[in-house]
C-alpha atoms as a PDB file:
ATOM      1  CA  MET A   1      24.743  12.375  -9.076  1.00  0.00           C
ATOM      2  CA  THR A   2      26.356   9.482 -10.304  1.00  0.00           C
ATOM      3  CA  LEU A   3      24.969   7.304 -13.211  1.00  0.00           C
ATOM      4  CA  LYS A   4      24.245   4.415 -10.969  1.00  0.00           C
ATOM      5  CA  ARG A   5      22.213   6.685  -8.714  1.00  0.00           C
ATOM      6  CA  GLN A   6      20.434   8.238 -11.669  1.00  0.00           C
ATOM      7  CA  ARG A   7      19.440   4.750 -13.204  1.00  0.00           C
ATOM      8  CA  THR A   8      18.431   3.587  -9.613  1.00  0.00           C
ATOM      9  CA  GLY A   9      16.343   6.759  -9.133  1.00  0.00           C
ATOM     10  CA  PHE A  10      14.653   6.261 -12.606  1.00  0.00           C
ATOM     11  CA  ALA A  11      13.850   2.461 -11.884  1.00  0.00           C
ATOM     12  CA  LEU A  12      12.359   3.054  -8.516  1.00  0.00           C
ATOM     13  CA  SER A  13      10.433   6.129  -9.817  1.00  0.00           C
ATOM     14  CA  PHE A  14       9.034   4.063 -12.966  1.00  0.00           C
ATOM     15  CA  PHE A  15       8.023   1.099 -10.794  1.00  0.00           C
ATOM     16  CA  LEU A  16       6.251   3.452  -8.344  1.00  0.00           C
ATOM     17  CA  ALA A  17       4.613   5.520 -10.857  1.00  0.00           C
ATOM     18  CA  ALA A  18       3.485   2.238 -12.978  1.00  0.00           C
ATOM     19  CA  ALA A  19       2.139   0.719  -9.662  1.00  0.00           C
ATOM     20  CA  LEU A  20       0.080   3.935  -8.942  1.00  0.00           C
ATOM     21  CA  LEU A  21      -1.286   4.167 -12.558  1.00  0.00           C
ATOM     22  CA  PHE A  22      -2.119   0.561 -12.779  1.00  0.00           C
ATOM     23  CA  ALA A  23      -3.950   0.787  -9.306  1.00  0.00           C
ATOM     24  CA  LEU A  24      -5.722   3.839 -10.458  1.00  0.00           C
ATOM     25  CA  VAL A  25      -6.940   2.229 -13.644  1.00  0.00           C
ATOM     26  CA  MET A  26      -8.112  -0.796 -11.853  1.00  0.00           C
ATOM     27  CA  SER A  27     -10.103   1.304  -9.226  1.00  0.00           C
ATOM     28  CA  ALA A  28     -13.831   1.218  -9.262  1.00  0.00           C
ATOM     29  CA  PRO A  29     -14.366   4.869  -9.893  1.00  0.00           C
ATOM     30  CA  VAL A  30     -12.150   4.653 -13.118  1.00  0.00           C
ATOM     31  CA  ARG A  31     -13.230   1.236 -14.626  1.00  0.00           C
ATOM     32  CA  PRO A  32     -16.359   2.863 -16.198  1.00  0.00           C
ATOM     33  CA  TYR A  33     -14.161   5.218 -18.138  1.00  0.00           C
ATOM     34  CA  VAL A  34     -11.726   2.658 -19.243  1.00  0.00           C
ATOM     35  CA  ASP A  35     -14.682   0.443 -20.522  1.00  0.00           C
ATOM     36  CA  GLN A  36     -15.995   3.695 -22.284  1.00  0.00           C
ATOM     37  CA  PHE A  37     -12.576   4.205 -23.854  1.00  0.00           C
ATOM     38  CA  THR A  38     -12.707   0.574 -25.034  1.00  0.00           C
ATOM     39  CA  VAL A  39     -15.951   1.032 -26.662  1.00  0.00           C
ATOM     40  CA  MET A  40     -14.757   4.327 -28.173  1.00  0.00           C
ATOM     41  CA  LEU A  41     -11.705   2.427 -29.602  1.00  0.00           C
ATOM     42  CA  ALA A  42     -14.101  -0.066 -31.136  1.00  0.00           C
ATOM     43  CA  LYS A  43     -16.356   2.787 -32.625  1.00  0.00           C
ATOM     44  CA  ILE A  44     -13.334   4.462 -34.170  1.00  0.00           C
ATOM     45  CA  SER A  45     -12.165   1.175 -35.515  1.00  0.00           C
ATOM     46  CA  ALA A  46     -15.613   0.393 -37.070  1.00  0.00           C
ATOM     47  CA  GLY A  47     -15.759   3.918 -38.485  1.00  0.00           C
ATOM     48  CA  LEU A  48     -12.236   3.598 -40.201  1.00  0.00           C
ATOM     49  CA  ILE A  49     -13.249   0.259 -41.691  1.00  0.00           C
ATOM     50  CA  HIS A  50     -16.315   1.764 -43.118  1.00  0.00           C
ATOM     51  CA  ALA A  51     -14.302   4.725 -44.409  1.00  0.00           C
ATOM     52  CA  GLY A  52     -11.897   2.426 -46.087  1.00  0.00           C
ATOM     53  CA  GLY A  53     -14.867   0.601 -47.767  1.00  0.00           C
ATOM     54  CA  GLY A  54     -15.038  -2.362 -45.516  1.00  0.00           C
ATOM     55  CA  GLU A  55     -18.161  -3.730 -43.725  1.00  0.00           C
ATOM     56  CA  CYS A  56     -18.349  -4.052 -39.955  1.00  0.00           C
ATOM     57  CA  LEU A  57     -21.048  -4.209 -37.369  1.00  0.00           C
ATOM     58  CA  ARG A  58     -20.170  -2.811 -33.843  1.00  0.00           C
ATOM     59  CA  ASN A  59     -21.967  -3.530 -30.741  1.00  0.00           C
ATOM     60  CA  GLY A  60     -20.166  -1.996 -27.607  1.00  0.00           C
ATOM     61  CA  ALA A  61     -16.653  -3.354 -27.981  1.00  0.00           C
ATOM     62  CA  VAL A  62     -17.446  -6.141 -30.275  1.00  0.00           C
ATOM     63  CA  LEU A  63     -16.565  -5.740 -34.070  1.00  0.00           C
ATOM     64  CA  ALA A  64     -18.409  -8.387 -36.361  1.00  0.00           C
ATOM     65  CA  LYS A  65     -18.607  -9.230 -40.113  1.00  0.00           C
ATOM     66  CA  PRO A  66     -22.155  -8.513 -41.195  1.00  0.00           C
ATOM     67  CA  ASP A  67     -22.744 -12.135 -41.899  1.00  0.00           C
ATOM     68  CA  PHE A  68     -21.578 -13.005 -38.312  1.00  0.00           C
ATOM     69  CA  THR A  69     -19.058 -15.567 -39.601  1.00  0.00           C
ATOM     70  CA  PHE A  70     -16.390 -13.651 -37.555  1.00  0.00           C
ATOM     71  CA  ALA A  71     -16.562 -11.539 -34.530  1.00  0.00           C
ATOM     72  CA  MET A  72     -14.201 -10.166 -32.080  1.00  0.00           C
ATOM     73  CA  GLU A  73     -14.232  -8.135 -28.779  1.00  0.00           C
ATOM     74  CA  ILE A  74     -11.804  -5.681 -27.737  1.00  0.00           C
ATOM     75  CA  ARG A  75     -11.068  -6.503 -24.078  1.00  0.00           C
ATOM     76  CA  GLU A  76      -8.540  -5.494 -21.347  1.00  0.00           C
ATOM     77  CA  GLY A  77      -5.133  -5.664 -22.605  1.00  0.00           C
ATOM     78  CA  CYS A  78      -6.156  -5.005 -26.230  1.00  0.00           C
ATOM     79  CA  ASN A  79      -7.197  -1.340 -25.686  1.00  0.00           C
ATOM     80  CA  GLY A  80      -3.546  -0.369 -25.302  1.00  0.00           C
ATOM     81  CA  ILE A  81      -4.141   0.986 -21.857  1.00  0.00           C
ATOM     82  CA  ASN A  82      -1.387  -1.307 -20.298  1.00  0.00           C
ATOM     83  CA  VAL A  83       1.125  -0.005 -22.693  1.00  0.00           C
ATOM     84  CA  VAL A  84       0.315   3.551 -22.237  1.00  0.00           C
ATOM     85  CA  ILE A  85       0.479   3.107 -18.617  1.00  0.00           C
ATOM     86  CA  LEU A  86       4.152   1.688 -18.861  1.00  0.00           C
ATOM     87  CA  LEU A  87       5.027   4.584 -21.198  1.00  0.00           C
ATOM     88  CA  TRP A  88       3.511   7.298 -18.988  1.00  0.00           C
ATOM     89  CA  ALA A  89       5.387   5.854 -16.088  1.00  0.00           C
ATOM     90  CA  ALA A  90       8.624   5.920 -17.968  1.00  0.00           C
ATOM     91  CA  ILE A  91       7.917   9.587 -18.910  1.00  0.00           C
ATOM     92  CA  LEU A  92       6.962  10.581 -15.401  1.00  0.00           C
ATOM     93  CA  ALA A  93      10.170   8.982 -14.001  1.00  0.00           C
ATOM     94  CA  TYR A  94      12.481  10.509 -16.554  1.00  0.00           C
ATOM     95  CA  PRO A  95      14.514  13.439 -15.131  1.00  0.00           C
ATOM     96  CA  ALA A  96      12.924  16.169 -17.343  1.00  0.00           C
ATOM     97  CA  PRO A  97      11.050  19.281 -16.466  1.00  0.00           C
ATOM     98  CA  ILE A  98       7.466  18.655 -15.257  1.00  0.00           C
ATOM     99  CA  LEU A  99       5.868  20.686 -17.800  1.00  0.00           C
ATOM    100  CA  PHE A 100       7.900  18.753 -20.452  1.00  0.00           C
ATOM    101  CA  ARG A 101       6.804  15.435 -18.906  1.00  0.00           C
ATOM    102  CA  LEU A 102       3.005  16.476 -18.678  1.00  0.00           C
ATOM    103  CA  THR A 103       3.088  17.448 -22.350  1.00  0.00           C
ATOM    104  CA  GLY A 104       4.608  14.098 -23.463  1.00  0.00           C
ATOM    105  CA  LEU A 105       1.665  12.190 -21.852  1.00  0.00           C
ATOM    106  CA  PRO A 106      -1.042  12.808 -24.359  1.00  0.00           C
ATOM    107  CA  LEU A 107       1.344  12.883 -27.218  1.00  0.00           C
ATOM    108  CA  ALA A 108       2.592   9.337 -26.011  1.00  0.00           C
ATOM    109  CA  MET A 109      -0.912   8.083 -25.636  1.00  0.00           C
ATOM    110  CA  ALA A 110      -1.705   9.224 -29.180  1.00  0.00           C
ATOM    111  CA  GLY A 111       1.426   7.266 -30.471  1.00  0.00           C
ATOM    112  CA  ILE A 112       0.307   4.067 -28.825  1.00  0.00           C
ATOM    113  CA  GLN A 113      -3.425   4.378 -29.843  1.00  0.00           C
ATOM    114  CA  ALA A 114      -2.649   5.135 -33.522  1.00  0.00           C
ATOM    115  CA  ALA A 115      -0.691   1.757 -33.569  1.00  0.00           C
ATOM    116  CA  ASN A 116      -3.364   0.134 -31.590  1.00  0.00           C
ATOM    117  CA  LEU A 117      -6.057   1.161 -34.114  1.00  0.00           C
ATOM    118  CA  ALA A 118      -3.975  -0.311 -36.887  1.00  0.00           C
ATOM    119  CA  ARG A 119      -3.747  -3.252 -34.570  1.00  0.00           C
ATOM    120  CA  VAL A 120      -7.554  -3.714 -34.059  1.00  0.00           C
ATOM    121  CA  ILE A 121      -8.442  -3.152 -37.662  1.00  0.00           C
ATOM    122  CA  SER A 122      -5.692  -5.460 -38.900  1.00  0.00           C
ATOM    123  CA  LEU A 123      -6.832  -8.308 -36.470  1.00  0.00           C
ATOM    124  CA  TYR A 124     -10.554  -7.772 -37.721  1.00  0.00           C
ATOM    125  CA  TYR A 125      -9.440  -8.541 -41.324  1.00  0.00           C
ATOM    126  CA  ILE A 126      -6.905 -11.427 -40.343  1.00  0.00           C
ATOM    127  CA  GLY A 127      -9.555 -13.137 -38.317  1.00  0.00           C
ATOM    128  CA  GLN A 128     -12.070 -13.311 -41.244  1.00  0.00           C
ATOM    129  CA  TYR A 129      -9.538 -15.487 -43.101  1.00  0.00           C
ATOM    130  CA  SER A 130      -7.698 -17.628 -40.524  1.00  0.00           C
ATOM    131  CA  ALA A 131      -8.077 -18.228 -36.965  1.00  0.00           C
ATOM    132  CA  SER A 132      -4.558 -19.595 -36.577  1.00  0.00           C
ATOM    133  CA  LEU A 133      -3.061 -16.405 -38.188  1.00  0.00           C
ATOM    134  CA  PHE A 134      -5.364 -14.245 -35.997  1.00  0.00           C
ATOM    135  CA  ASP A 135      -4.136 -16.150 -32.928  1.00  0.00           C
ATOM    136  CA  PHE A 136      -0.416 -15.594 -33.949  1.00  0.00           C
ATOM    137  CA  ALA A 137      -0.824 -12.023 -34.987  1.00  0.00           C
ATOM    138  CA  HIS A 138      -3.068 -11.015 -31.814  1.00  0.00           C
ATOM    139  CA  HIS A 139      -0.861 -12.941 -29.276  1.00  0.00           C
ATOM    140  CA  TYR A 140       2.740 -12.403 -30.589  1.00  0.00           C
ATOM    141  CA  LEU A 141       3.087 -10.236 -33.620  1.00  0.00           C
ATOM    142  CA  TRP A 142       0.984  -7.265 -32.437  1.00  0.00           C
ATOM    143  CA  GLU A 143       1.863  -7.600 -28.572  1.00  0.00           C
ATOM    144  CA  THR A 144       5.646  -7.277 -29.685  1.00  0.00           C
ATOM    145  CA  LEU A 145       4.933  -4.385 -32.025  1.00  0.00           C
ATOM    146  CA  ILE A 146       2.785  -2.310 -29.613  1.00  0.00           C
ATOM    147  CA  LEU A 147       5.539  -2.873 -26.786  1.00  0.00           C
ATOM    148  CA  LEU A 148       8.160  -1.760 -29.516  1.00  0.00           C
ATOM    149  CA  ASP A 149       5.947   1.277 -30.302  1.00  0.00           C
ATOM    150  CA  GLY A 150       5.984   2.108 -26.668  1.00  0.00           C
ATOM    151  CA  ILE A 151       9.902   1.817 -26.650  1.00  0.00           C
ATOM    152  CA  VAL A 152      10.444   3.915 -29.869  1.00  0.00           C
ATOM    153  CA  VAL A 153       7.845   6.520 -28.518  1.00  0.00           C
ATOM    154  CA  PHE A 154       9.712   6.891 -25.333  1.00  0.00           C
ATOM    155  CA  GLY A 155      12.980   7.012 -26.888  1.00  0.00           C
ATOM    156  CA  LEU A 156      12.101   9.778 -29.158  1.00  0.00           C
ATOM    157  CA  TRP A 157      10.458  11.784 -26.207  1.00  0.00           C
ATOM    158  CA  ALA A 158      13.593  11.268 -24.177  1.00  0.00           C
ATOM    159  CA  ARG A 159      15.711  12.457 -26.977  1.00  0.00           C
ATOM    160  CA  LEU A 160      13.733  15.553 -27.273  1.00  0.00           C
ATOM    161  CA  ALA A 161      13.873  16.028 -23.514  1.00  0.00           C
ATOM    162  CA  ARG A 162      17.625  15.777 -23.719  1.00  0.00           C
ATOM    163  CA  ARG A 163      17.757  18.271 -26.361  1.00  0.00           C
ATOM    164  CA  ALA A 164      15.418  20.546 -24.485  1.00  0.00           C
ATOM    165  CA  LYS A 165      17.592  20.397 -21.420  1.00  0.00           C
ATOM    166  CA  ALA A 166      20.885  21.088 -23.456  1.00  0.00           C
ATOM    167  CA  ALA A 167      19.302  24.139 -25.021  1.00  0.00           C
ATOM    168  CA  GLY A 168      18.202  25.296 -21.649  1.00  0.00           C
ATOM    169  CA  ALA A 169      14.583  25.205 -22.169  1.00  0.00           C
END
């Protein structure tokens, strides 16, 4: 197969997988699980803030400073699911053995969500001191860093997939 056909196949498979995964996540039966995941992300973030000696109140997906001078809600797009879907679509589209791809999915999600926890916690602290810095960090800095994380995780996974293929695994 020519390189051009391989790239075209990957691109088509990627877009199809992404469309199907986004449709699945947005479907009515799955939405409650996504919402529960977002609340769990807030719960873990609050727990890590407490473990680090910080103070944080949590109500659902809302994190608040105990004196209520700052609060933030983790919403759709801030839970890392969108980047996970793009990363999963890339992994599923990549020409690697299916077992290798399926093994990569939870590891990829862990890589994105680890960075996303750092994002949520840092935004919680940044927001307490500067609304303009919070807006910049939230809309530009962390959006870029999370997407870069997805690219790096995919690159590392693809590198492992190529090595495994070369080794005959």
